[in-house]
């Protein structure tokens, strides 16, 4: 024991101790539930055998049952629309803001810091705020759109099947905008200013400098931002119960909320586990893309 304490005090093996503690935490609170969830997706589960690992195996029957559900393709379409719309909006607006604040005008740092408010707010709070903003009768968004002459009558964002998924997408874009702006701003600051000066001397205009310098130099950053955005979007849950609750008529139902509803409202735990495992595959693909996009930076 004296030798162990002396080695920890001298720093020998202390890094291994820290890594071991973190790894033990991940295995206990992430690894075991993950294995339990994957195993449950291949078993017949009910309320009587929920607390045990030993349940009847059904193979891929749960996956076939999920795909055969009448709402499966609508949920898949909504999930794809939610992911593409959220990531696209967050990236385009975040990149635009990063380029805007990179100009370094007076007060840029202060104004940029205000955008971080959306990032630190809980999802349920953001959902409640946007629920008021998107209200059909008294919402601020409808008032602004009518004032600008874009619409003539109110849009019932949360109760109209044609707009319900877009209500959550708008809220999620606002929620993740600051994160995208922050990471892209870091990438922009990492580009040597000498490259822009040399291109300007050679007669390159603003668009050419952006296309031939900014985008290539930020390729790894953009890959990381998009990959992390995909992971975060597929994990987004709080906005749905706060804004639309998946309705009306499943028009805003996405896979993550569908899995929760199947498990904790319908008590079909096998179905909920199966849906979450399907999402896990997408998250793993995004994780691989993220690791590959940052591999060059890590090696450098």
Protein backbone atom coordinates (compact mmCIF):
# COMPACT_ATOMS: atom_id res chain seq x y z
CA UNK A 1 0.00 0.00 0.00
CA UNK A 2 2.85 2.38 0.81
CA UNK A 3 4.34 1.75 -2.63
CA UNK A 4 0.99 2.41 -4.32
CA UNK A 5 0.41 5.67 -2.46
CA UNK A 6 4.00 6.75 -3.17
CA UNK A 7 3.55 6.09 -6.90
CA UNK A 8 0.31 8.09 -6.96
CA UNK A 9 1.95 10.91 -5.01
CA UNK A 10 4.92 10.97 -7.40
CA UNK A 11 2.65 10.99 -10.43
CA UNK A 12 3.69 7.53 -11.60
CA UNK A 13 0.59 5.74 -12.82
CA UNK A 14 -1.70 8.61 -11.81
CA UNK A 15 -2.81 9.12 -15.43
CA UNK A 16 -3.74 5.45 -15.64
CA UNK A 17 -5.75 5.80 -12.43
CA UNK A 18 -7.69 8.74 -13.85
CA UNK A 19 -8.35 6.98 -17.15
CA UNK A 20 -9.40 3.84 -15.30
CA UNK A 21 -11.90 5.77 -13.17
CA UNK A 22 -13.41 7.43 -16.24
CA UNK A 23 -13.54 4.12 -18.10
CA UNK A 24 -15.21 2.42 -15.15
CA UNK A 25 -17.81 5.20 -15.06
CA UNK A 26 -18.52 4.83 -18.79
CA UNK A 27 -18.83 1.06 -18.57
CA UNK A 28 -21.19 1.22 -15.58
CA UNK A 29 -23.46 4.04 -16.75
CA UNK A 30 -23.23 3.80 -20.54
CA UNK A 31 -21.85 0.42 -21.57
CA UNK A 32 -24.13 -1.80 -19.50
CA UNK A 33 -27.37 0.04 -20.43
CA UNK A 34 -26.28 -0.01 -24.08
CA UNK A 35 -25.71 -3.75 -24.05
CA UNK A 36 -28.98 -4.26 -22.19
CA UNK A 37 -30.84 -2.17 -24.79
CA UNK A 38 -29.31 -3.97 -27.78
CA UNK A 39 -30.03 -7.35 -26.22
CA UNK A 40 -33.62 -6.34 -25.49
CA UNK A 41 -34.19 -5.50 -29.16
CA UNK A 42 -33.66 -9.19 -30.01
CA UNK A 43 -35.89 -10.54 -27.24
CA UNK A 44 -39.55 -10.83 -26.34
CA UNK A 45 -40.06 -8.36 -23.53
CA UNK A 46 -43.03 -7.71 -21.28
CA UNK A 47 -43.63 -6.26 -17.83
CA UNK A 48 -43.01 -9.60 -16.13
CA UNK A 49 -39.51 -10.31 -17.49
CA UNK A 50 -38.27 -6.73 -17.81
CA UNK A 51 -35.85 -7.01 -14.89
CA UNK A 52 -33.86 -9.98 -16.20
CA UNK A 53 -31.44 -10.61 -19.04
CA UNK A 54 -32.79 -14.09 -19.72
CA UNK A 55 -35.78 -13.64 -22.03
CA UNK A 56 -37.02 -15.55 -25.10
CA UNK A 57 -35.01 -14.66 -28.20
CA UNK A 58 -36.99 -13.62 -31.27
CA UNK A 59 -34.15 -12.72 -33.62
CA UNK A 60 -34.97 -9.87 -35.97
CA UNK A 61 -38.74 -10.17 -35.41
CA UNK A 62 -38.82 -6.91 -33.46
CA UNK A 63 -37.08 -5.07 -36.31
CA UNK A 64 -39.50 -6.53 -38.85
CA UNK A 65 -42.43 -5.50 -36.62
CA UNK A 66 -41.15 -1.93 -36.34
CA UNK A 67 -40.70 -1.60 -40.12
CA UNK A 68 -44.19 -3.06 -40.63
CA UNK A 69 -45.78 -0.38 -38.44
CA UNK A 70 -48.04 1.93 -40.52
CA UNK A 71 -46.35 5.04 -39.14
CA UNK A 72 -42.78 3.81 -39.78
CA UNK A 73 -42.24 5.56 -43.10
CA UNK A 74 -43.82 8.78 -41.87
CA UNK A 75 -41.53 8.74 -38.84
CA UNK A 76 -38.53 8.00 -41.08
CA UNK A 77 -39.47 10.89 -43.37
CA UNK A 78 -39.98 13.25 -40.43
CA UNK A 79 -36.65 12.19 -38.90
CA UNK A 80 -34.82 12.77 -42.18
CA UNK A 81 -36.49 16.15 -42.63
CA UNK A 82 -35.75 17.12 -39.03
CA UNK A 83 -32.09 16.11 -39.30
CA UNK A 84 -31.44 17.72 -42.69
CA UNK A 85 -33.40 20.88 -41.90
CA UNK A 86 -31.84 21.33 -38.47
CA UNK A 87 -28.25 20.63 -39.53
CA UNK A 88 -28.57 22.69 -42.70
CA UNK A 89 -30.09 25.68 -40.91
CA UNK A 90 -27.64 25.55 -38.02
CA UNK A 91 -24.64 25.23 -40.33
CA UNK A 92 -25.59 27.92 -42.85
CA UNK A 93 -26.63 30.48 -40.23
CA UNK A 94 -23.76 29.53 -37.92
CA UNK A 95 -21.22 29.87 -40.75
CA UNK A 96 -22.71 33.22 -41.74
CA UNK A 97 -22.48 34.51 -38.18
CA UNK A 98 -18.93 33.18 -37.81
CA UNK A 99 -17.87 35.02 -40.96
CA UNK A 100 -19.68 38.14 -39.79
CA UNK A 101 -18.03 38.23 -36.36
CA UNK A 102 -14.65 37.33 -37.87
CA UNK A 103 -14.54 40.85 -39.32
CA UNK A 104 -13.58 42.05 -35.84
CA UNK A 105 -15.74 45.18 -35.59
CA UNK A 106 -16.10 46.95 -32.21
CA UNK A 107 -18.34 44.99 -29.84
CA UNK A 108 -18.16 41.78 -31.91
CA UNK A 109 -17.00 39.66 -28.95
CA UNK A 110 -19.80 40.95 -26.71
CA UNK A 111 -22.53 40.39 -29.27
CA UNK A 112 -21.18 36.94 -30.11
CA UNK A 113 -21.28 36.05 -26.43
CA UNK A 114 -24.99 36.84 -26.31
CA UNK A 115 -25.66 34.07 -28.80
CA UNK A 116 -24.36 31.55 -26.28
CA UNK A 117 -27.53 32.05 -24.22
CA UNK A 118 -29.41 29.63 -26.48
CA UNK A 119 -26.70 27.00 -26.06
CA UNK A 120 -26.78 26.88 -22.26
CA UNK A 121 -30.57 26.89 -21.92
CA UNK A 122 -32.28 23.52 -21.23
CA UNK A 123 -34.20 22.05 -24.12
CA UNK A 124 -37.53 22.10 -22.28
CA UNK A 125 -37.12 25.82 -21.56
CA UNK A 126 -36.28 26.49 -25.20
CA UNK A 127 -39.31 24.44 -26.23
CA UNK A 128 -41.59 26.42 -23.91
CA UNK A 129 -40.27 29.74 -25.24
CA UNK A 130 -40.68 28.72 -28.85
CA UNK A 131 -44.10 27.29 -28.05
CA UNK A 132 -45.18 30.84 -27.20
CA UNK A 133 -43.37 32.35 -30.18
CA UNK A 134 -45.02 29.87 -32.57
CA UNK A 135 -48.51 30.14 -31.08
CA UNK A 136 -51.09 30.47 -33.83
CA UNK A 137 -53.25 33.18 -32.23
CA UNK A 138 -50.78 35.41 -30.39
CA UNK A 139 -47.33 34.20 -31.49
CA UNK A 140 -44.58 36.69 -32.23
CA UNK A 141 -43.50 34.89 -35.40
CA UNK A 142 -46.94 35.22 -37.01
CA UNK A 143 -47.01 38.90 -36.05
CA UNK A 144 -43.64 39.53 -37.70
CA UNK A 145 -44.57 37.61 -40.84
CA UNK A 146 -47.86 39.53 -41.16
CA UNK A 147 -46.08 42.84 -40.58
CA UNK A 148 -43.63 42.03 -43.39
CA UNK A 149 -46.47 41.03 -45.70
CA UNK A 150 -45.22 37.47 -46.07
CA UNK A 151 -48.47 35.91 -44.83
CA UNK A 152 -52.03 37.20 -44.80
CA UNK A 153 -53.44 35.01 -42.03
CA UNK A 154 -52.02 33.24 -39.00
CA UNK A 155 -50.18 29.95 -39.40
CA UNK A 156 -50.94 27.44 -36.68
CA UNK A 157 -47.43 26.07 -36.51
CA UNK A 158 -48.00 23.52 -33.75
CA UNK A 159 -51.40 22.13 -34.81
CA UNK A 160 -51.19 22.23 -38.62
CA UNK A 161 -49.82 18.92 -39.99
CA UNK A 162 -48.10 20.81 -42.80
CA UNK A 163 -46.07 23.00 -40.42
CA UNK A 164 -45.73 21.06 -37.14
CA UNK A 165 -42.37 19.45 -37.97
CA UNK A 166 -41.07 22.83 -39.14
CA UNK A 167 -41.99 24.34 -35.79
CA UNK A 168 -39.59 21.96 -34.05
CA UNK A 169 -36.94 22.45 -36.74
CA UNK A 170 -37.01 26.24 -36.25
CA UNK A 171 -36.64 25.84 -32.49
CA UNK A 172 -33.81 23.32 -32.89
CA UNK A 173 -31.96 25.60 -35.32
CA UNK A 174 -32.04 28.37 -32.74
CA UNK A 175 -30.93 25.94 -30.02
CA UNK A 176 -27.87 24.69 -31.92
CA UNK A 177 -26.93 27.90 -33.73
CA UNK A 178 -24.46 29.12 -31.11
CA UNK A 179 -22.62 25.78 -31.02
CA UNK A 180 -22.09 25.81 -34.79
CA UNK A 181 -21.04 29.46 -34.75
CA UNK A 182 -18.52 28.84 -31.97
CA UNK A 183 -16.81 25.86 -33.61
CA UNK A 184 -16.74 27.49 -37.02
CA UNK A 185 -15.33 30.68 -35.52
CA UNK A 186 -12.48 28.65 -34.03
CA UNK A 187 -11.81 27.14 -37.44
CA UNK A 188 -11.79 30.55 -39.11
CA UNK A 189 -9.30 31.94 -36.59
CA UNK A 190 -6.98 29.02 -37.35
CA UNK A 191 -6.53 30.07 -41.00
CA UNK A 192 -3.31 32.10 -41.51
CA UNK A 193 -4.07 35.69 -42.48
CA UNK A 194 -1.11 35.62 -44.87
CA UNK A 195 -3.06 33.39 -47.25
CA UNK A 196 -5.80 36.01 -47.63
CA UNK A 197 -3.26 38.79 -48.06
CA UNK A 198 -1.42 36.86 -50.79
CA UNK A 199 -4.71 36.06 -52.57
CA UNK A 200 -5.78 39.70 -52.37
CA UNK A 201 -2.48 40.79 -53.89
CA UNK A 202 -3.00 38.28 -56.70
CA UNK A 203 -6.38 39.88 -57.44
CA UNK A 204 -8.73 37.29 -55.93
CA UNK A 205 -12.14 38.68 -55.02
CA UNK A 206 -14.12 37.91 -51.86
CA UNK A 207 -15.91 34.90 -53.33
CA UNK A 208 -12.68 33.41 -54.71
CA UNK A 209 -10.93 33.80 -51.37
CA UNK A 210 -13.84 32.09 -49.64
CA UNK A 211 -14.05 29.24 -52.15
CA UNK A 212 -10.35 28.51 -52.60
CA UNK A 213 -9.00 29.35 -49.11
CA UNK A 214 -11.69 29.35 -46.43
CA UNK A 215 -13.57 26.19 -47.41
CA UNK A 216 -10.51 23.97 -48.09
CA UNK A 217 -8.77 25.11 -44.91
CA UNK A 218 -11.91 24.40 -42.85
CA UNK A 219 -12.68 21.00 -44.32
CA UNK A 220 -11.93 19.09 -41.12
CA UNK A 221 -13.78 21.65 -38.99
CA UNK A 222 -16.83 21.49 -41.23
CA UNK A 223 -16.79 17.69 -41.10
CA UNK A 224 -16.63 17.76 -37.31
CA UNK A 225 -19.43 20.33 -37.05
CA UNK A 226 -21.74 18.37 -39.34
CA UNK A 227 -20.98 15.07 -37.61
CA UNK A 228 -21.54 16.47 -34.13
CA UNK A 229 -24.67 18.21 -35.40
CA UNK A 230 -26.04 14.89 -36.66
CA UNK A 231 -25.35 13.22 -33.31
CA UNK A 232 -26.93 16.07 -31.34
CA UNK A 233 -29.96 16.25 -33.63
CA UNK A 234 -30.65 12.53 -33.39
CA UNK A 235 -30.45 12.87 -29.60
CA UNK A 236 -32.77 15.87 -29.47
CA UNK A 237 -35.86 14.96 -27.45
CA UNK A 238 -36.90 17.84 -25.19
CA UNK A 239 -38.34 20.06 -27.92
CA UNK A 240 -40.96 17.56 -29.05
CA UNK A 241 -42.91 17.12 -25.78
CA UNK A 242 -42.63 20.87 -25.19
CA UNK A 243 -43.92 21.98 -28.61
CA UNK A 244 -45.92 19.37 -30.54
CA UNK A 245 -45.82 16.03 -28.64
CA UNK A 246 -45.32 14.31 -32.00
CA UNK A 247 -48.65 15.48 -33.39
CA UNK A 248 -50.99 16.19 -34.89
CA UNK A 249 -51.56 12.73 -36.38
CA UNK A 250 -47.84 11.86 -36.09
CA UNK A 251 -46.95 14.70 -38.47
CA UNK A 252 -44.03 15.73 -36.23
CA UNK A 253 -43.18 12.29 -34.82
CA UNK A 254 -39.48 11.44 -35.11
CA UNK A 255 -37.59 8.31 -34.18
CA UNK A 256 -36.26 9.46 -30.80
CA UNK A 257 -39.69 10.56 -29.56
CA UNK A 258 -41.29 7.46 -31.09
CA UNK A 259 -38.90 5.23 -29.12
CA UNK A 260 -39.75 7.03 -25.87
CA UNK A 261 -43.47 6.82 -26.59
CA UNK A 262 -43.29 3.10 -27.36
CA UNK A 263 -41.35 2.33 -24.19
CA UNK A 264 -42.87 4.60 -21.57
CA UNK A 265 -46.38 5.28 -22.80
CA UNK A 266 -47.26 2.03 -24.56
CA UNK A 267 -44.90 -0.11 -22.42
CA UNK A 268 -43.66 -1.90 -25.55
CA UNK A 269 -40.05 -1.95 -24.39
CA UNK A 270 -38.83 -4.23 -27.16
CA UNK A 271 -40.16 -1.86 -29.81
CA UNK A 272 -38.63 1.14 -28.08
CA UNK A 273 -35.29 -0.63 -27.78
CA UNK A 274 -35.40 -1.65 -31.43
CA UNK A 275 -36.02 1.92 -32.60
CA UNK A 276 -33.21 3.24 -30.43
CA UNK A 277 -30.79 0.60 -31.80
CA UNK A 278 -31.67 1.70 -35.33
CA UNK A 279 -30.79 5.25 -34.31
CA UNK A 280 -27.60 3.98 -32.67
CA UNK A 281 -26.41 2.73 -36.05
CA UNK A 282 -26.81 6.23 -37.51
CA UNK A 283 -24.99 7.77 -34.55
CA UNK A 284 -22.12 5.31 -34.98
CA UNK A 285 -21.85 6.26 -38.66
CA UNK A 286 -21.73 9.93 -37.67
CA UNK A 287 -19.10 9.15 -35.03
CA UNK A 288 -16.90 7.42 -37.62
CA UNK A 289 -17.23 10.43 -39.92
CA UNK A 290 -16.33 12.74 -37.04
CA UNK A 291 -13.25 10.72 -36.08
CA UNK A 292 -12.06 10.56 -39.69
CA UNK A 293 -12.61 14.29 -40.17
CA UNK A 294 -10.48 15.16 -37.13
CA UNK A 295 -7.84 12.44 -37.62
CA UNK A 296 -5.53 14.78 -39.52
CA UNK A 297 -5.71 17.41 -36.78
CA UNK A 298 -4.94 14.84 -34.07
CA UNK A 299 -1.95 13.48 -35.95
CA UNK A 300 -0.69 17.00 -36.63
